[in-house]
Structures are given as structure tokens and as C-alpha cells.
Amino acid sequence: MNLRLNDNVGDTPIKVWAKKLSWALPLFFLIKGLAWLAVPFISALYVLN
């Protein structure tokens, strides 16, 4: 049980941040991509109304 808690003891702060960024960046780009897709549809709805 203790091994899992002490997983990051040997890691430098840079490695810890790299692990966080490794899942945060794809998520960010996914949201950004969805936003770019949503903008034309939302603007089209306003233009039609």
C-alpha cells in the first residue's frame, strides 16, 4: 500500500508537471477543438433568428 503513495518520491518537480501536462494538454486541445466546431453553429443560430 505504501509503494503507491511513495511513487513520486524520486521524481523531480519537472517530471511531476510533465505527468500532469501529459493528460492536461490533450484535454485542452480537445476542448479547444470542440469550441472551434461549436462557434460556427452558434453564430449560424443567431444569424438565422
C-alpha atoms as a PDB file:
ATOM      1  CA  MET A   1       0.000   0.000   0.000  1.00  0.00           C
ATOM      2  CA  ASN A   2       2.872   2.357   0.823  1.00  0.00           C
ATOM      3  CA  LEU A   3       4.564   1.831  -2.538  1.00  0.00           C
ATOM      4  CA  ARG A   4       1.723   3.536  -4.374  1.00  0.00           C
ATOM      5  CA  LEU A   5       1.854   6.574  -2.088  1.00  0.00           C
ATOM      6  CA  ASN A   6       5.625   6.957  -2.488  1.00  0.00           C
ATOM      7  CA  ASP A   7       5.521   6.622  -6.273  1.00  0.00           C
ATOM      8  CA  ASN A   8       6.643  10.200  -6.937  1.00  0.00           C
ATOM      9  CA  VAL A   9       9.364  10.455  -4.279  1.00  0.00           C
ATOM     10  CA  GLY A  10      12.193  10.015  -6.803  1.00  0.00           C
ATOM     11  CA  ASP A  11      10.595  12.327  -9.345  1.00  0.00           C
ATOM     12  CA  THR A  12      11.734  15.901  -9.808  1.00  0.00           C
ATOM     13  CA  PRO A  13       9.035  18.611  -9.896  1.00  0.00           C
ATOM     14  CA  ILE A  14       9.602  18.803 -13.661  1.00  0.00           C
ATOM     15  CA  LYS A  15       8.696  15.120 -14.036  1.00  0.00           C
ATOM     16  CA  VAL A  16       5.601  15.599 -11.904  1.00  0.00           C
ATOM     17  CA  TRP A  17       4.494  18.543 -14.052  1.00  0.00           C
ATOM     18  CA  ALA A  18       5.263  16.560 -17.208  1.00  0.00           C
ATOM     19  CA  LYS A  19       2.921  13.819 -15.999  1.00  0.00           C
ATOM     20  CA  LYS A  20       0.191  16.383 -15.311  1.00  0.00           C
ATOM     21  CA  LEU A  21       0.675  18.053 -18.697  1.00  0.00           C
ATOM     22  CA  SER A  22       0.648  14.686 -20.486  1.00  0.00           C
ATOM     23  CA  TRP A  23      -3.087  14.359 -19.760  1.00  0.00           C
ATOM     24  CA  ALA A  24      -3.946  18.060 -19.436  1.00  0.00           C
ATOM     25  CA  LEU A  25      -2.710  19.102 -22.895  1.00  0.00           C
ATOM     26  CA  PRO A  26      -4.759  16.596 -24.952  1.00  0.00           C
ATOM     27  CA  LEU A  27      -7.801  17.532 -22.862  1.00  0.00           C
ATOM     28  CA  PHE A  28      -7.130  21.236 -23.537  1.00  0.00           C
ATOM     29  CA  PHE A  29      -6.801  20.676 -27.293  1.00  0.00           C
ATOM     30  CA  LEU A  30      -9.955  18.539 -27.304  1.00  0.00           C
ATOM     31  CA  ILE A  31     -11.948  21.324 -25.631  1.00  0.00           C
ATOM     32  CA  LYS A  32     -10.346  23.906 -27.938  1.00  0.00           C
ATOM     33  CA  GLY A  33     -11.251  21.804 -30.980  1.00  0.00           C
ATOM     34  CA  LEU A  34     -14.838  21.386 -29.806  1.00  0.00           C
ATOM     35  CA  ALA A  35     -15.073  25.139 -29.219  1.00  0.00           C
ATOM     36  CA  TRP A  36     -13.874  25.865 -32.777  1.00  0.00           C
ATOM     37  CA  LEU A  37     -16.513  23.437 -34.094  1.00  0.00           C
ATOM     38  CA  ALA A  38     -19.259  24.931 -31.914  1.00  0.00           C
ATOM     39  CA  VAL A  39     -18.630  28.598 -32.815  1.00  0.00           C
ATOM     40  CA  PRO A  40     -19.910  28.399 -36.443  1.00  0.00           C
ATOM     41  CA  PHE A  41     -23.054  26.537 -35.339  1.00  0.00           C
ATOM     42  CA  ILE A  42     -23.797  29.029 -32.557  1.00  0.00           C
ATOM     43  CA  SER A  43     -23.199  32.016 -34.841  1.00  0.00           C
ATOM     44  CA  ALA A  44     -25.398  30.394 -37.518  1.00  0.00           C
ATOM     45  CA  LEU A  45     -28.230  30.035 -34.999  1.00  0.00           C
ATOM     46  CA  TYR A  46     -28.031  33.744 -34.164  1.00  0.00           C
ATOM     47  CA  VAL A  47     -27.944  34.712 -37.859  1.00  0.00           C
ATOM     48  CA  LEU A  48     -30.993  32.556 -38.675  1.00  0.00           C
ATOM     49  CA  ASN A  49     -33.004  34.064 -35.804  1.00  0.00           C
END
